[in-house]
Amino acid sequence: MTTTQDAAARSARLPRSERRAQLLDAAKDVFVQRGYHAAAMDEIAERAGVSKPVLYQHFPGKLDLYLALLDASIDEFDAQVRAALNSTHDNKRRVAATVDAYFSYVGSDNTSFRLLFENDLTAADDVRDRLDALTRRCAGAIAPVIAEDTGLSTEESQLLAAGMVGMAQVAARYWLASDGSLPRQGAATLIASLGWRGIRGFPRREVERLEADPGGASPGTD
């Protein structure tokens, strides 16, 4: 039976952008709890306090709603990774901040990470393409840091960056699922140390050249 409060919530008018945000918040809760296949538009509408026709005015179908939510989650996480990279000019600290961004995202009360890292709809091309694009975006942001510190080529740096992205993601999810006593900051620092030591294992190309030809001209000389 519909209560007076329910009716008031359904009839309340919101600007389109606010209504859309409200619907996405409700949808996130349902999709995370149920998974895509078990989630129902009826439940999402009920959770948002709107009628189903109102929900369909904003999102024509369940997949449209899911993709919109996925896009918002991807943009949110990508912004966190870039903020971590821009938080310092010291590359060692950049690596630590970036790894911490993964642990912070996974360990926070924000359940969006389950849409990105524990997605149950990867068989859908639109979903898989978005998740693959997120990996490329994060790796693309990290690769210049690796190239700067190692002198490796763009392609080599991109590959190493993708490896770091995968390591940070898998390690953060493992840490969360293991329910151990290791605090988040300690776990993130441990993985960041592993990543940084790996990067530092690649000597700069200029160092390699000088070691191969110690009698050669110094940089900047004629």
C-alpha atoms as a PDB file:
ATOM      1  CA  MET A   1       0.000   0.000   0.000  1.00  0.00           C
ATOM      2  CA  THR A   2       1.421   3.382  -0.984  1.00  0.00           C
ATOM      3  CA  THR A   3       2.039   5.708   1.955  1.00  0.00           C
ATOM      4  CA  THR A   4       1.584   9.483   1.953  1.00  0.00           C
ATOM      5  CA  GLN A   5       5.355   9.872   2.047  1.00  0.00           C
ATOM      6  CA  ASP A   6       5.741   7.569  -0.954  1.00  0.00           C
ATOM      7  CA  ALA A   7       3.175   9.537  -2.896  1.00  0.00           C
ATOM      8  CA  ALA A   8       4.857  12.804  -2.015  1.00  0.00           C
ATOM      9  CA  ALA A   9       8.209  11.452  -3.113  1.00  0.00           C
ATOM     10  CA  ARG A  10       6.793  10.248  -6.406  1.00  0.00           C
ATOM     11  CA  SER A  11       5.066  13.540  -7.142  1.00  0.00           C
ATOM     12  CA  ALA A  12       7.988  15.769  -6.181  1.00  0.00           C
ATOM     13  CA  ARG A  13       9.431  17.484  -9.203  1.00  0.00           C
ATOM     14  CA  LEU A  14      13.190  17.741  -9.584  1.00  0.00           C
ATOM     15  CA  PRO A  15      15.367  19.310 -12.266  1.00  0.00           C
ATOM     16  CA  ARG A  16      16.231  16.722 -14.882  1.00  0.00           C
ATOM     17  CA  SER A  17      19.897  16.508 -13.826  1.00  0.00           C
ATOM     18  CA  GLU A  18      18.961  15.960 -10.168  1.00  0.00           C
ATOM     19  CA  ARG A  19      16.371  13.350 -11.062  1.00  0.00           C
ATOM     20  CA  ARG A  20      18.897  11.526 -13.223  1.00  0.00           C
ATOM     21  CA  ALA A  21      21.430  11.523 -10.376  1.00  0.00           C
ATOM     22  CA  GLN A  22      18.758  10.206  -8.016  1.00  0.00           C
ATOM     23  CA  LEU A  23      17.895   7.389 -10.399  1.00  0.00           C
ATOM     24  CA  LEU A  24      21.553   6.467 -10.877  1.00  0.00           C
ATOM     25  CA  ASP A  25      22.098   6.300  -7.111  1.00  0.00           C
ATOM     26  CA  ALA A  26      19.108   3.998  -6.707  1.00  0.00           C
ATOM     27  CA  ALA A  27      20.202   1.882  -9.655  1.00  0.00           C
ATOM     28  CA  LYS A  28      23.712   1.493  -8.244  1.00  0.00           C
ATOM     29  CA  ASP A  29      22.354   0.056  -5.018  1.00  0.00           C
ATOM     30  CA  VAL A  30      20.173  -2.445  -6.845  1.00  0.00           C
ATOM     31  CA  PHE A  31      22.767  -3.480  -9.436  1.00  0.00           C
ATOM     32  CA  VAL A  32      25.465  -3.977  -6.798  1.00  0.00           C
ATOM     33  CA  GLN A  33      23.154  -5.997  -4.561  1.00  0.00           C
ATOM     34  CA  ARG A  34      21.470  -8.080  -7.268  1.00  0.00           C
ATOM     35  CA  GLY A  35      23.810  -8.055 -10.241  1.00  0.00           C
ATOM     36  CA  TYR A  36      22.662  -6.943 -13.658  1.00  0.00           C
ATOM     37  CA  HIS A  37      20.579  -9.974 -14.575  1.00  0.00           C
ATOM     38  CA  ALA A  38      18.605 -10.172 -11.317  1.00  0.00           C
ATOM     39  CA  ALA A  39      18.044  -6.424 -11.010  1.00  0.00           C
ATOM     40  CA  ALA A  40      14.561  -5.247 -11.955  1.00  0.00           C
ATOM     41  CA  MET A  41      13.464  -1.826 -13.182  1.00  0.00           C
ATOM     42  CA  ASP A  42      10.473  -2.073 -10.836  1.00  0.00           C
ATOM     43  CA  GLU A  43      12.769  -2.289  -7.827  1.00  0.00           C
ATOM     44  CA  ILE A  44      14.968   0.543  -9.085  1.00  0.00           C
ATOM     45  CA  ALA A  45      11.938   2.800  -9.552  1.00  0.00           C
ATOM     46  CA  GLU A  46      10.659   1.856  -6.118  1.00  0.00           C
ATOM     47  CA  ARG A  47      14.066   2.501  -4.554  1.00  0.00           C
ATOM     48  CA  ALA A  48      14.193   5.936  -6.222  1.00  0.00           C
ATOM     49  CA  GLY A  49      10.627   6.750  -5.154  1.00  0.00           C
ATOM     50  CA  VAL A  50       9.388   7.315  -8.699  1.00  0.00           C
ATOM     51  CA  SER A  51       6.977   5.588 -11.028  1.00  0.00           C
ATOM     52  CA  LYS A  52       8.324   3.254 -13.681  1.00  0.00           C
ATOM     53  CA  PRO A  53       7.231   5.597 -16.507  1.00  0.00           C
ATOM     54  CA  VAL A  54       9.389   8.330 -14.953  1.00  0.00           C
ATOM     55  CA  LEU A  55      12.347   5.939 -14.879  1.00  0.00           C
ATOM     56  CA  TYR A  56      11.799   5.052 -18.531  1.00  0.00           C
ATOM     57  CA  GLN A  57      11.639   8.733 -19.465  1.00  0.00           C
ATOM     58  CA  HIS A  58      15.285   9.000 -18.466  1.00  0.00           C
ATOM     59  CA  PHE A  59      16.498   5.538 -19.433  1.00  0.00           C
ATOM     60  CA  PRO A  60      14.691   3.589 -22.198  1.00  0.00           C
ATOM     61  CA  GLY A  61      15.820   0.212 -20.876  1.00  0.00           C
ATOM     62  CA  LYS A  62      17.790  -1.574 -18.183  1.00  0.00           C
ATOM     63  CA  LEU A  63      20.952  -1.776 -20.283  1.00  0.00           C
ATOM     64  CA  ASP A  64      20.804   1.983 -21.003  1.00  0.00           C
ATOM     65  CA  LEU A  65      20.566   2.633 -17.280  1.00  0.00           C
ATOM     66  CA  TYR A  66      23.398   0.240 -16.512  1.00  0.00           C
ATOM     67  CA  LEU A  67      25.696   1.761 -19.143  1.00  0.00           C
ATOM     68  CA  ALA A  68      24.978   5.282 -17.876  1.00  0.00           C
ATOM     69  CA  LEU A  69      25.862   4.164 -14.361  1.00  0.00           C
ATOM     70  CA  LEU A  70      28.998   2.427 -15.620  1.00  0.00           C
ATOM     71  CA  ASP A  71      30.085   5.559 -17.499  1.00  0.00           C
ATOM     72  CA  ALA A  72      29.627   7.670 -14.368  1.00  0.00           C
ATOM     73  CA  SER A  73      31.615   5.196 -12.271  1.00  0.00           C
ATOM     74  CA  ILE A  74      34.402   5.052 -14.859  1.00  0.00           C
ATOM     75  CA  ASP A  75      34.681   8.846 -14.995  1.00  0.00           C
ATOM     76  CA  GLU A  76      34.730   9.018 -11.205  1.00  0.00           C
ATOM     77  CA  PHE A  77      37.526   6.485 -10.838  1.00  0.00           C
ATOM     78  CA  ASP A  78      39.554   7.855 -13.748  1.00  0.00           C
ATOM     79  CA  ALA A  79      39.425  11.279 -12.099  1.00  0.00           C
ATOM     80  CA  GLN A  80      40.746   9.788  -8.842  1.00  0.00           C
ATOM     81  CA  VAL A  81      43.676   8.134 -10.616  1.00  0.00           C
ATOM     82  CA  ARG A  82      44.583  11.357 -12.436  1.00  0.00           C
ATOM     83  CA  ALA A  83      44.293  13.372  -9.227  1.00  0.00           C
ATOM     84  CA  ALA A  84      46.717  10.927  -7.579  1.00  0.00           C
ATOM     85  CA  LEU A  85      49.196  11.310 -10.427  1.00  0.00           C
ATOM     86  CA  ASN A  86      48.920  15.103 -10.289  1.00  0.00           C
ATOM     87  CA  SER A  87      49.285  15.264  -6.505  1.00  0.00           C
ATOM     88  CA  THR A  88      53.095  15.380  -6.667  1.00  0.00           C
ATOM     89  CA  HIS A  89      55.972  15.747  -9.119  1.00  0.00           C
ATOM     90  CA  ASP A  90      58.003  13.019  -7.417  1.00  0.00           C
ATOM     91  CA  ASN A  91      57.560   9.844  -9.460  1.00  0.00           C
ATOM     92  CA  LYS A  92      58.003   7.478  -6.520  1.00  0.00           C
ATOM     93  CA  ARG A  93      55.233   9.287  -4.677  1.00  0.00           C
ATOM     94  CA  ARG A  94      53.133   9.313  -7.813  1.00  0.00           C
ATOM     95  CA  VAL A  95      53.271   5.527  -7.969  1.00  0.00           C
ATOM     96  CA  ALA A  96      52.369   5.296  -4.270  1.00  0.00           C
ATOM     97  CA  ALA A  97      49.468   7.741  -4.681  1.00  0.00           C
ATOM     98  CA  THR A  98      48.137   5.884  -7.702  1.00  0.00           C
ATOM     99  CA  VAL A  99      48.217   2.491  -6.003  1.00  0.00           C
ATOM    100  CA  ASP A 100      46.592   4.064  -2.968  1.00  0.00           C
ATOM    101  CA  ALA A 101      43.813   5.370  -5.227  1.00  0.00           C
ATOM    102  CA  TYR A 102      42.912   1.766  -6.075  1.00  0.00           C
ATOM    103  CA  PHE A 103      42.963   0.651  -2.447  1.00  0.00           C
ATOM    104  CA  SER A 104      41.015   3.714  -1.354  1.00  0.00           C
ATOM    105  CA  TYR A 105      38.381   3.201  -4.030  1.00  0.00           C
ATOM    106  CA  VAL A 106      37.952  -0.479  -3.227  1.00  0.00           C
ATOM    107  CA  GLY A 107      38.073   0.022   0.529  1.00  0.00           C
ATOM    108  CA  SER A 108      35.653   2.948   0.733  1.00  0.00           C
ATOM    109  CA  ASP A 109      31.926   2.763   1.372  1.00  0.00           C
ATOM    110  CA  ASN A 110      31.405   3.582  -2.308  1.00  0.00           C
ATOM    111  CA  THR A 111      30.311   0.319  -3.925  1.00  0.00           C
ATOM    112  CA  SER A 112      30.931   1.533  -7.484  1.00  0.00           C
ATOM    113  CA  PHE A 113      34.123  -0.522  -7.630  1.00  0.00           C
ATOM    114  CA  ARG A 114      32.016  -3.683  -7.896  1.00  0.00           C
ATOM    115  CA  LEU A 115      30.587  -2.401 -11.172  1.00  0.00           C
ATOM    116  CA  LEU A 116      34.083  -1.802 -12.525  1.00  0.00           C
ATOM    117  CA  PHE A 117      36.061  -4.720 -11.108  1.00  0.00           C
ATOM    118  CA  GLU A 118      33.425  -7.395 -10.407  1.00  0.00           C
ATOM    119  CA  ASN A 119      31.119  -6.878 -13.350  1.00  0.00           C
ATOM    120  CA  ASP A 120      28.709  -9.696 -14.240  1.00  0.00           C
ATOM    121  CA  LEU A 121      27.931  -8.426 -17.736  1.00  0.00           C
ATOM    122  CA  THR A 122      31.320  -8.537 -19.440  1.00  0.00           C
ATOM    123  CA  ALA A 123      29.868 -10.675 -22.222  1.00  0.00           C
ATOM    124  CA  ALA A 124      28.075  -7.579 -23.528  1.00  0.00           C
ATOM    125  CA  ASP A 125      30.242  -5.720 -26.040  1.00  0.00           C
ATOM    126  CA  ASP A 126      29.219  -2.267 -24.775  1.00  0.00           C
ATOM    127  CA  VAL A 127      30.219  -3.187 -21.221  1.00  0.00           C
ATOM    128  CA  ARG A 128      33.465  -4.956 -22.105  1.00  0.00           C
ATOM    129  CA  ASP A 129      34.526  -2.078 -24.359  1.00  0.00           C
ATOM    130  CA  ARG A 130      33.994   0.416 -21.551  1.00  0.00           C
ATOM    131  CA  LEU A 131      35.943  -1.627 -19.012  1.00  0.00           C
ATOM    132  CA  ASP A 132      38.787  -2.173 -21.480  1.00  0.00           C
ATOM    133  CA  ALA A 133      38.780   1.568 -22.181  1.00  0.00           C
ATOM    134  CA  LEU A 134      39.087   2.265 -18.448  1.00  0.00           C
ATOM    135  CA  THR A 135      42.208   0.093 -18.265  1.00  0.00           C
ATOM    136  CA  ARG A 136      43.651   1.931 -21.266  1.00  0.00           C
ATOM    137  CA  ARG A 137      42.805   5.319 -19.774  1.00  0.00           C
ATOM    138  CA  CYS A 138      44.459   4.517 -16.451  1.00  0.00           C
ATOM    139  CA  ALA A 139      47.471   2.929 -18.123  1.00  0.00           C
ATOM    140  CA  GLY A 140      47.703   5.880 -20.492  1.00  0.00           C
ATOM    141  CA  ALA A 141      47.869   8.251 -17.526  1.00  0.00           C
ATOM    142  CA  ILE A 142      50.566   6.208 -15.767  1.00  0.00           C
ATOM    143  CA  ALA A 143      52.716   5.427 -18.828  1.00  0.00           C
ATOM    144  CA  PRO A 144      54.297   8.910 -19.131  1.00  0.00           C
ATOM    145  CA  VAL A 145      55.503   8.621 -15.517  1.00  0.00           C
ATOM    146  CA  ILE A 146      57.182   5.313 -16.346  1.00  0.00           C
ATOM    147  CA  ALA A 147      58.663   6.689 -19.556  1.00  0.00           C
ATOM    148  CA  GLU A 148      60.002   9.722 -17.714  1.00  0.00           C
ATOM    149  CA  ASP A 149      61.714   7.660 -15.062  1.00  0.00           C
ATOM    150  CA  THR A 150      63.021   4.819 -17.226  1.00  0.00           C
ATOM    151  CA  GLY A 151      63.509   6.258 -20.690  1.00  0.00           C
ATOM    152  CA  LEU A 152      61.542   3.331 -22.150  1.00  0.00           C
ATOM    153  CA  SER A 153      59.562   3.742 -25.355  1.00  0.00           C
ATOM    154  CA  THR A 154      55.901   4.717 -25.347  1.00  0.00           C
ATOM    155  CA  GLU A 155      54.837   1.178 -26.217  1.00  0.00           C
ATOM    156  CA  GLU A 156      57.034  -0.358 -23.524  1.00  0.00           C
ATOM    157  CA  SER A 157      55.826   2.153 -20.943  1.00  0.00           C
ATOM    158  CA  GLN A 158      52.191   1.506 -21.861  1.00  0.00           C
ATOM    159  CA  LEU A 159      52.668  -2.224 -21.339  1.00  0.00           C
ATOM    160  CA  LEU A 160      54.314  -1.746 -17.959  1.00  0.00           C
ATOM    161  CA  ALA A 161      51.591   0.716 -16.966  1.00  0.00           C
ATOM    162  CA  ALA A 162      48.907  -1.827 -17.870  1.00  0.00           C
ATOM    163  CA  GLY A 163      50.727  -4.347 -15.695  1.00  0.00           C
ATOM    164  CA  MET A 164      50.756  -1.909 -12.777  1.00  0.00           C
ATOM    165  CA  VAL A 165      47.054  -1.189 -13.243  1.00  0.00           C
ATOM    166  CA  GLY A 166      46.288  -4.896 -13.146  1.00  0.00           C
ATOM    167  CA  MET A 167      48.517  -5.444 -10.122  1.00  0.00           C
ATOM    168  CA  ALA A 168      46.949  -2.585  -8.158  1.00  0.00           C
ATOM    169  CA  GLN A 169      43.405  -3.650  -9.008  1.00  0.00           C
ATOM    170  CA  VAL A 170      43.841  -7.349  -8.228  1.00  0.00           C
ATOM    171  CA  ALA A 171      45.833  -6.676  -5.054  1.00  0.00           C
ATOM    172  CA  ALA A 172      43.253  -4.179  -3.761  1.00  0.00           C
ATOM    173  CA  ARG A 173      40.395  -6.578  -4.371  1.00  0.00           C
ATOM    174  CA  TYR A 174      42.328  -9.433  -2.755  1.00  0.00           C
ATOM    175  CA  TRP A 175      43.085  -7.260   0.265  1.00  0.00           C
ATOM    176  CA  LEU A 176      39.404  -6.391   0.675  1.00  0.00           C
ATOM    177  CA  ALA A 177      38.208  -9.994   0.265  1.00  0.00           C
ATOM    178  CA  SER A 178      40.850 -11.466   2.580  1.00  0.00           C
ATOM    179  CA  ASP A 179      39.463  -9.569   5.592  1.00  0.00           C
ATOM    180  CA  GLY A 180      42.881  -9.672   7.223  1.00  0.00           C
ATOM    181  CA  SER A 181      44.466  -7.418   9.818  1.00  0.00           C
ATOM    182  CA  LEU A 182      46.652  -5.454   7.382  1.00  0.00           C
ATOM    183  CA  PRO A 183      45.427  -1.832   7.286  1.00  0.00           C
ATOM    184  CA  ARG A 184      44.600  -0.264   3.935  1.00  0.00           C
ATOM    185  CA  GLN A 185      47.506   2.181   3.996  1.00  0.00           C
ATOM    186  CA  GLY A 186      49.982  -0.539   4.861  1.00  0.00           C
ATOM    187  CA  ALA A 187      48.669  -2.802   2.109  1.00  0.00           C
ATOM    188  CA  ALA A 188      48.792  -0.013  -0.475  1.00  0.00           C
ATOM    189  CA  THR A 189      52.331   0.943   0.557  1.00  0.00           C
ATOM    190  CA  LEU A 190      53.468  -2.662   0.217  1.00  0.00           C
ATOM    191  CA  ILE A 191      52.144  -2.963  -3.338  1.00  0.00           C
ATOM    192  CA  ALA A 192      53.437   0.489  -4.277  1.00  0.00           C
ATOM    193  CA  SER A 193      56.918  -0.542  -3.101  1.00  0.00           C
ATOM    194  CA  LEU A 194      56.755  -3.602  -5.328  1.00  0.00           C
ATOM    195  CA  GLY A 195      55.678  -1.507  -8.312  1.00  0.00           C
ATOM    196  CA  TRP A 196      58.291   1.196  -7.758  1.00  0.00           C
ATOM    197  CA  ARG A 197      61.127  -1.276  -7.329  1.00  0.00           C
ATOM    198  CA  GLY A 198      60.051  -2.885 -10.573  1.00  0.00           C
ATOM    199  CA  ILE A 199      60.118   0.427 -12.403  1.00  0.00           C
ATOM    200  CA  ARG A 200      63.468   1.365 -10.905  1.00  0.00           C
ATOM    201  CA  GLY A 201      64.861  -1.911 -12.231  1.00  0.00           C
ATOM    202  CA  PHE A 202      64.845  -0.351 -15.697  1.00  0.00           C
ATOM    203  CA  PRO A 203      67.868   1.977 -16.011  1.00  0.00           C
ATOM    204  CA  ARG A 204      67.422   5.152 -17.995  1.00  0.00           C
ATOM    205  CA  ARG A 205      68.464   4.854 -21.630  1.00  0.00           C
ATOM    206  CA  GLU A 206      70.969   7.705 -21.209  1.00  0.00           C
ATOM    207  CA  VAL A 207      72.653   5.775 -18.383  1.00  0.00           C
ATOM    208  CA  GLU A 208      72.785   2.677 -20.578  1.00  0.00           C
ATOM    209  CA  ARG A 209      74.389   4.670 -23.387  1.00  0.00           C
ATOM    210  CA  LEU A 210      77.048   6.175 -21.127  1.00  0.00           C
ATOM    211  CA  GLU A 211      77.849   2.796 -19.589  1.00  0.00           C
ATOM    212  CA  ALA A 212      78.227   1.288 -23.059  1.00  0.00           C
ATOM    213  CA  ASP A 213      80.433   4.192 -24.219  1.00  0.00           C
ATOM    214  CA  PRO A 214      82.052   5.779 -21.134  1.00  0.00           C
ATOM    215  CA  GLY A 215      84.363   7.824 -23.305  1.00  0.00           C
ATOM    216  CA  GLY A 216      81.549   9.369 -25.313  1.00  0.00           C
ATOM    217  CA  ALA A 217      80.470  12.973 -25.208  1.00  0.00           C
ATOM    218  CA  SER A 218      78.473  14.131 -22.231  1.00  0.00           C
ATOM    219  CA  PRO A 219      74.881  15.223 -22.786  1.00  0.00           C
ATOM    220  CA  GLY A 220      74.687  18.786 -24.010  1.00  0.00           C
ATOM    221  CA  THR A 221      78.236  18.881 -25.486  1.00  0.00           C
ATOM    222  CA  ASP A 222      79.075  19.284 -29.161  1.00  0.00           C
END
